[in-house]
Amino acid sequence: MNIKNEVTEIVCEIIGMEPSEINPDASFSDDMGIDSLRALEILAAIENKYGITIDPERLKDMGSLNKVIKVTEEHIGDCDK
């Protein structure tokens, strides 16, 4: 499984939606009504899954599924250096 699929699975589990129901560019807060507590839950689940630490300040950069995938890939890439 690749990072995109794994992150999608994590996000879907937390927000209670199927991958087919999510527009990957839809805003979590504006379009989907996801609150900051759910966003933190997503952040923590990704950190646990990949053994990485993402600065909570980056939450503002994680406002959609595609943005969560991008930030996750950046942090995993940073760990490989």
N, C-alpha and C. Protein backbone atom coordinates (compact mmCIF):
# COMPACT_ATOMS: atom_id res chain seq x y z
N MET A 1 0.85 -1.20 0.00
CA MET A 1 0.00 0.00 0.00
C MET A 1 0.89 1.25 0.00
N ASN A 2 0.44 2.27 -0.69
CA ASN A 2 1.25 3.49 -0.73
C ASN A 2 0.74 4.52 0.28
N ILE A 3 1.51 5.57 0.46
CA ILE A 3 1.18 6.60 1.46
C ILE A 3 -0.18 7.21 1.18
N LYS A 4 -0.46 7.51 -0.08
CA LYS A 4 -1.75 8.13 -0.41
C LYS A 4 -2.91 7.26 0.05
N ASN A 5 -2.85 5.97 -0.24
CA ASN A 5 -3.92 5.06 0.16
C ASN A 5 -4.00 4.91 1.67
N GLU A 6 -2.84 4.81 2.32
CA GLU A 6 -2.82 4.64 3.78
C GLU A 6 -3.39 5.87 4.48
N VAL A 7 -2.98 7.06 4.04
CA VAL A 7 -3.48 8.30 4.65
C VAL A 7 -4.98 8.44 4.39
N THR A 8 -5.41 8.11 3.19
CA THR A 8 -6.84 8.15 2.87
C THR A 8 -7.62 7.24 3.80
N GLU A 9 -7.10 6.05 4.04
CA GLU A 9 -7.75 5.09 4.93
C GLU A 9 -7.84 5.64 6.36
N ILE A 10 -6.77 6.25 6.84
CA ILE A 10 -6.75 6.83 8.19
C ILE A 10 -7.79 7.94 8.30
N VAL A 11 -7.79 8.85 7.34
CA VAL A 11 -8.71 9.98 7.36
C VAL A 11 -10.16 9.48 7.31
N CYS A 12 -10.43 8.55 6.42
CA CYS A 12 -11.79 8.02 6.27
C CYS A 12 -12.28 7.36 7.56
N GLU A 13 -11.40 6.62 8.20
CA GLU A 13 -11.78 5.95 9.44
C GLU A 13 -12.14 6.99 10.52
N ILE A 14 -11.36 8.04 10.63
CA ILE A 14 -11.59 9.05 11.65
C ILE A 14 -12.85 9.87 11.38
N ILE A 15 -13.09 10.20 10.12
CA ILE A 15 -14.25 11.05 9.83
C ILE A 15 -15.50 10.25 9.48
N GLY A 16 -15.36 8.93 9.40
CA GLY A 16 -16.52 8.08 9.18
C GLY A 16 -17.10 8.16 7.78
N MET A 17 -16.23 8.25 6.79
CA MET A 17 -16.68 8.30 5.40
C MET A 17 -15.91 7.27 4.58
N GLU A 18 -16.48 6.90 3.45
CA GLU A 18 -15.81 6.01 2.51
C GLU A 18 -14.92 6.86 1.59
N PRO A 19 -13.81 6.30 1.11
CA PRO A 19 -12.95 7.06 0.19
C PRO A 19 -13.70 7.63 -1.02
N SER A 20 -14.66 6.88 -1.51
CA SER A 20 -15.42 7.34 -2.69
C SER A 20 -16.30 8.56 -2.38
N GLU A 21 -16.55 8.82 -1.10
CA GLU A 21 -17.40 9.94 -0.69
C GLU A 21 -16.63 11.24 -0.51
N ILE A 22 -15.31 11.15 -0.53
CA ILE A 22 -14.49 12.33 -0.23
C ILE A 22 -13.93 12.94 -1.51
N ASN A 23 -14.12 14.24 -1.66
CA ASN A 23 -13.41 15.00 -2.69
C ASN A 23 -12.05 15.32 -2.07
N PRO A 24 -10.94 14.82 -2.63
CA PRO A 24 -9.64 15.00 -2.00
C PRO A 24 -9.20 16.46 -1.86
N ASP A 25 -9.84 17.37 -2.59
CA ASP A 25 -9.50 18.78 -2.47
C ASP A 25 -10.50 19.57 -1.64
N ALA A 26 -11.54 18.91 -1.14
CA ALA A 26 -12.55 19.61 -0.34
C ALA A 26 -11.96 20.02 1.01
N SER A 27 -12.30 21.21 1.44
CA SER A 27 -11.84 21.71 2.73
C SER A 27 -12.50 20.92 3.85
N PHE A 28 -11.68 20.41 4.77
CA PHE A 28 -12.23 19.68 5.91
C PHE A 28 -13.21 20.55 6.70
N SER A 29 -12.82 21.77 6.99
CA SER A 29 -13.67 22.62 7.83
C SER A 29 -14.81 23.25 7.06
N ASP A 30 -14.52 23.86 5.91
CA ASP A 30 -15.55 24.60 5.17
C ASP A 30 -16.54 23.69 4.44
N ASP A 31 -16.04 22.65 3.79
CA ASP A 31 -16.89 21.79 2.97
C ASP A 31 -17.42 20.56 3.70
N MET A 32 -16.65 20.08 4.69
CA MET A 32 -17.01 18.81 5.32
C MET A 32 -17.39 18.95 6.79
N GLY A 33 -17.23 20.13 7.35
CA GLY A 33 -17.63 20.36 8.74
C GLY A 33 -16.78 19.63 9.77
N ILE A 34 -15.53 19.34 9.43
CA ILE A 34 -14.64 18.64 10.37
C ILE A 34 -14.01 19.68 11.29
N ASP A 35 -14.12 19.45 12.59
CA ASP A 35 -13.60 20.42 13.56
C ASP A 35 -12.13 20.17 13.87
N SER A 36 -11.56 21.08 14.65
CA SER A 36 -10.13 21.02 14.95
C SER A 36 -9.77 19.78 15.77
N LEU A 37 -10.70 19.28 16.56
CA LEU A 37 -10.42 18.07 17.33
C LEU A 37 -10.21 16.88 16.40
N ARG A 38 -11.04 16.76 15.38
CA ARG A 38 -10.87 15.68 14.39
C ARG A 38 -9.56 15.86 13.63
N ALA A 39 -9.23 17.12 13.32
CA ALA A 39 -7.97 17.39 12.62
C ALA A 39 -6.78 16.92 13.46
N LEU A 40 -6.82 17.18 14.76
CA LEU A 40 -5.75 16.73 15.65
C LEU A 40 -5.71 15.21 15.72
N GLU A 41 -6.88 14.59 15.69
CA GLU A 41 -6.96 13.13 15.71
C GLU A 41 -6.30 12.55 14.44
N ILE A 42 -6.54 13.18 13.30
CA ILE A 42 -5.91 12.76 12.05
C ILE A 42 -4.39 12.90 12.16
N LEU A 43 -3.95 14.05 12.66
CA LEU A 43 -2.51 14.31 12.83
C LEU A 43 -1.87 13.24 13.71
N ALA A 44 -2.49 12.95 14.84
CA ALA A 44 -1.93 11.97 15.77
C ALA A 44 -1.90 10.57 15.16
N ALA A 45 -2.94 10.20 14.43
CA ALA A 45 -2.98 8.88 13.80
C ALA A 45 -1.88 8.72 12.76
N ILE A 46 -1.63 9.77 12.00
CA ILE A 46 -0.57 9.73 10.99
C ILE A 46 0.80 9.65 11.66
N GLU A 47 0.98 10.43 12.71
CA GLU A 47 2.26 10.37 13.44
C GLU A 47 2.50 8.96 13.98
N ASN A 48 1.47 8.35 14.56
CA ASN A 48 1.60 7.00 15.11
C ASN A 48 1.88 5.97 14.02
N LYS A 49 1.18 6.09 12.90
CA LYS A 49 1.33 5.13 11.80
C LYS A 49 2.75 5.13 11.24
N TYR A 50 3.32 6.33 11.06
CA TYR A 50 4.61 6.44 10.39
C TYR A 50 5.79 6.73 11.33
N GLY A 51 5.52 6.87 12.62
CA GLY A 51 6.60 7.14 13.56
C GLY A 51 7.27 8.48 13.30
N ILE A 52 6.48 9.49 12.93
CA ILE A 52 7.00 10.83 12.64
C ILE A 52 6.37 11.83 13.60
N THR A 53 6.94 13.02 13.65
CA THR A 53 6.36 14.10 14.43
C THR A 53 6.12 15.27 13.49
N ILE A 54 4.87 15.70 13.44
CA ILE A 54 4.49 16.83 12.61
C ILE A 54 4.15 17.98 13.55
N ASP A 55 4.79 19.10 13.34
CA ASP A 55 4.54 20.28 14.16
C ASP A 55 3.05 20.63 14.09
N PRO A 56 2.37 20.78 15.23
CA PRO A 56 0.96 21.15 15.21
C PRO A 56 0.67 22.43 14.43
N GLU A 57 1.67 23.28 14.27
CA GLU A 57 1.51 24.49 13.45
C GLU A 57 1.18 24.13 12.00
N ARG A 58 1.57 22.93 11.58
CA ARG A 58 1.30 22.48 10.20
C ARG A 58 -0.17 22.12 9.97
N LEU A 59 -0.96 22.05 11.04
CA LEU A 59 -2.39 21.74 10.88
C LEU A 59 -3.06 22.68 9.88
N LYS A 60 -2.63 23.93 9.87
CA LYS A 60 -3.22 24.89 8.93
C LYS A 60 -2.91 24.52 7.49
N ASP A 61 -1.87 23.71 7.28
CA ASP A 61 -1.50 23.26 5.94
C ASP A 61 -2.16 21.92 5.58
N MET A 62 -2.99 21.40 6.50
CA MET A 62 -3.57 20.08 6.33
C MET A 62 -5.10 20.16 6.25
N GLY A 63 -5.60 21.09 5.44
CA GLY A 63 -7.02 21.38 5.39
C GLY A 63 -7.85 20.53 4.44
N SER A 64 -7.21 19.61 3.73
CA SER A 64 -7.94 18.71 2.84
C SER A 64 -7.18 17.38 2.80
N LEU A 65 -7.81 16.37 2.24
CA LEU A 65 -7.15 15.07 2.15
C LEU A 65 -5.85 15.18 1.36
N ASN A 66 -5.88 15.84 0.21
CA ASN A 66 -4.65 15.96 -0.58
C ASN A 66 -3.55 16.71 0.17
N LYS A 67 -3.93 17.72 0.95
CA LYS A 67 -2.92 18.46 1.72
C LYS A 67 -2.35 17.61 2.85
N VAL A 68 -3.17 16.76 3.47
CA VAL A 68 -2.68 15.85 4.51
C VAL A 68 -1.67 14.88 3.89
N ILE A 69 -2.00 14.37 2.72
CA ILE A 69 -1.08 13.45 2.03
C ILE A 69 0.24 14.15 1.73
N LYS A 70 0.16 15.38 1.25
CA LYS A 70 1.37 16.14 0.89
C LYS A 70 2.27 16.36 2.12
N VAL A 71 1.68 16.82 3.22
CA VAL A 71 2.47 17.08 4.44
C VAL A 71 3.08 15.77 4.96
N THR A 72 2.31 14.69 4.92
CA THR A 72 2.81 13.40 5.37
C THR A 72 4.01 12.96 4.52
N GLU A 73 3.87 13.06 3.20
CA GLU A 73 4.97 12.69 2.32
C GLU A 73 6.20 13.54 2.56
N GLU A 74 6.00 14.83 2.81
CA GLU A 74 7.14 15.72 3.11
C GLU A 74 7.87 15.26 4.36
N HIS A 75 7.12 14.92 5.41
CA HIS A 75 7.76 14.52 6.66
C HIS A 75 8.43 13.17 6.55
N ILE A 76 7.83 12.25 5.83
CA ILE A 76 8.47 10.95 5.63
C ILE A 76 9.75 11.13 4.82
N GLY A 77 9.69 12.00 3.82
CA GLY A 77 10.87 12.30 3.01
C GLY A 77 11.98 12.93 3.84
N ASP A 78 11.61 13.82 4.77
CA ASP A 78 12.60 14.45 5.65
C ASP A 78 13.27 13.43 6.55
N CYS A 79 12.51 12.42 6.97
CA CYS A 79 13.08 11.38 7.85
C CYS A 79 14.07 10.51 7.11
N ASP A 80 13.92 10.40 5.79
CA ASP A 80 14.80 9.55 5.00
C ASP A 80 16.14 10.21 4.72
N LYS A 81 16.26 11.51 4.98
CA LYS A 81 17.49 12.23 4.66
C LYS A 81 18.53 12.06 5.74
